[in-house]
Amino acid sequence: MTLPQAFTSSYWVFTAERFGVGLFIGGLLPTANAMVGRLVSRADRGAIYGMTSSAMFMGNSLGPLMGGAIAASFGLRWVFLLTAAVMAANLVWVYYRVPEYRG
């Protein structure tokens, strides 16, 4: 849902795409937390959940700052192109590094 946002020229289509991103994130966060819970020992879960929450909040702070800098420097389209590239790289990393992902 991120990549098409770079090429949208309609406000309403862009709004629908952003809504779709929100739906996907709403499903992704609990799934990621469940995966972390399965991959980490019970004794370490509190510390790991603290780190994942800190990383999420850091991303919520730095993401808009970096997005604004990218948009100001290169244009708004590049925010979505770079976000899609980072998400694709993350997909490849998870596929090869997280054994639980391949089932």
Protein backbone atom coordinates (compact mmCIF):
# COMPACT_ATOMS: atom_id res chain seq x y z
CA MET A 1 0.00 0.00 0.00
CA THR A 2 2.98 2.33 0.33
CA LEU A 3 4.36 2.27 -3.20
CA PRO A 4 1.12 3.30 -4.98
CA GLN A 5 0.98 6.43 -2.83
CA ALA A 6 4.01 7.77 -4.70
CA PHE A 7 2.04 7.85 -7.95
CA THR A 8 -1.40 9.00 -6.79
CA SER A 9 -2.71 12.27 -8.15
CA SER A 10 -6.16 12.14 -6.52
CA TYR A 11 -6.74 13.26 -2.95
CA TRP A 12 -9.46 10.66 -2.37
CA VAL A 13 -7.40 7.78 -3.75
CA PHE A 14 -4.48 8.88 -1.58
CA THR A 15 -6.79 9.00 1.44
CA ALA A 16 -8.02 5.47 0.71
CA GLU A 17 -4.42 4.27 0.37
CA ARG A 18 -3.48 5.85 3.69
CA PHE A 19 -6.51 4.16 5.28
CA GLY A 20 -5.28 0.84 3.84
CA VAL A 21 -1.83 1.43 5.34
CA GLY A 22 -3.49 1.99 8.72
CA LEU A 23 -5.37 -1.29 8.40
CA PHE A 24 -2.20 -3.18 7.55
CA ILE A 25 -0.27 -1.63 10.43
CA GLY A 26 -3.17 -2.47 12.74
CA GLY A 27 -2.68 -6.12 11.83
CA LEU A 28 1.08 -6.04 11.64
CA LEU A 29 1.89 -4.74 15.12
CA PRO A 30 0.09 -7.47 17.11
CA THR A 31 1.52 -10.11 14.78
CA ALA A 32 5.05 -8.78 15.25
CA ASN A 33 4.60 -8.73 19.02
CA ALA A 34 3.30 -12.32 18.97
CA MET A 35 6.31 -13.39 16.91
CA VAL A 36 8.68 -11.69 19.34
CA GLY A 37 6.92 -13.47 22.20
CA ARG A 38 7.43 -16.85 20.53
CA LEU A 39 11.08 -16.26 19.65
CA VAL A 40 12.23 -14.97 23.06
CA SER A 41 12.42 -16.82 26.35
CA ARG A 42 9.82 -15.99 28.99
CA ALA A 43 12.47 -14.43 31.23
CA ASP A 44 13.59 -11.98 28.50
CA ARG A 45 10.18 -10.94 27.17
CA GLY A 46 9.79 -7.84 29.34
CA ALA A 47 13.13 -6.41 28.26
CA ILE A 48 12.55 -7.27 24.60
CA TYR A 49 9.04 -5.78 24.59
CA GLY A 50 10.52 -2.65 26.15
CA MET A 51 13.08 -2.45 23.34
CA THR A 52 10.46 -3.01 20.63
CA SER A 53 8.24 -0.30 22.15
CA SER A 54 11.18 2.09 22.33
CA ALA A 55 12.07 1.35 18.71
CA MET A 56 8.45 1.93 17.65
CA PHE A 57 8.25 5.27 19.42
CA MET A 58 11.64 6.31 18.06
CA GLY A 59 10.36 5.49 14.58
CA ASN A 60 7.20 7.50 15.25
CA SER A 61 9.41 10.48 16.14
CA LEU A 62 12.20 10.18 13.58
CA GLY A 63 10.01 9.03 10.69
CA PRO A 64 8.14 12.31 10.21
CA LEU A 65 11.35 14.31 10.69
CA MET A 66 13.17 12.27 8.04
CA GLY A 67 10.10 12.23 5.80
CA GLY A 68 9.86 16.01 5.99
CA ALA A 69 13.55 16.40 5.18
CA ILE A 70 13.27 14.02 2.22
CA ALA A 71 10.12 15.76 0.94
CA ALA A 72 11.73 19.19 1.27
CA SER A 73 14.90 18.04 -0.49
CA PHE A 74 13.62 15.72 -3.21
CA GLY A 75 9.82 15.98 -3.33
CA LEU A 76 6.93 14.23 -1.62
CA ARG A 77 6.96 11.26 -4.01
CA TRP A 78 10.40 10.23 -2.73
CA VAL A 79 9.08 9.80 0.81
CA PHE A 80 6.86 6.94 -0.36
CA LEU A 81 9.44 5.48 -2.74
CA LEU A 82 12.09 5.31 -0.02
CA THR A 83 9.61 3.98 2.53
CA ALA A 84 8.61 1.21 0.10
CA ALA A 85 12.30 0.36 -0.48
CA VAL A 86 12.98 0.15 3.27
CA MET A 87 9.91 -2.05 3.76
CA ALA A 88 10.98 -4.34 0.92
CA ALA A 89 14.46 -4.65 2.45
CA ASN A 90 12.82 -5.47 5.80
CA LEU A 91 10.70 -8.16 4.12
CA VAL A 92 13.81 -9.80 2.67
CA TRP A 93 15.61 -9.57 6.03
CA VAL A 94 12.70 -11.16 7.92
CA TYR A 95 12.37 -13.92 5.33
CA TYR A 96 16.00 -14.95 5.62
CA ARG A 97 16.72 -14.19 9.29
CA VAL A 98 13.56 -15.17 11.17
CA PRO A 99 13.11 -18.94 11.09
CA GLU A 100 9.50 -18.74 12.25
CA TYR A 101 8.55 -16.77 9.12
CA ARG A 102 9.16 -19.61 6.68
CA GLY A 103 7.05 -21.97 8.77
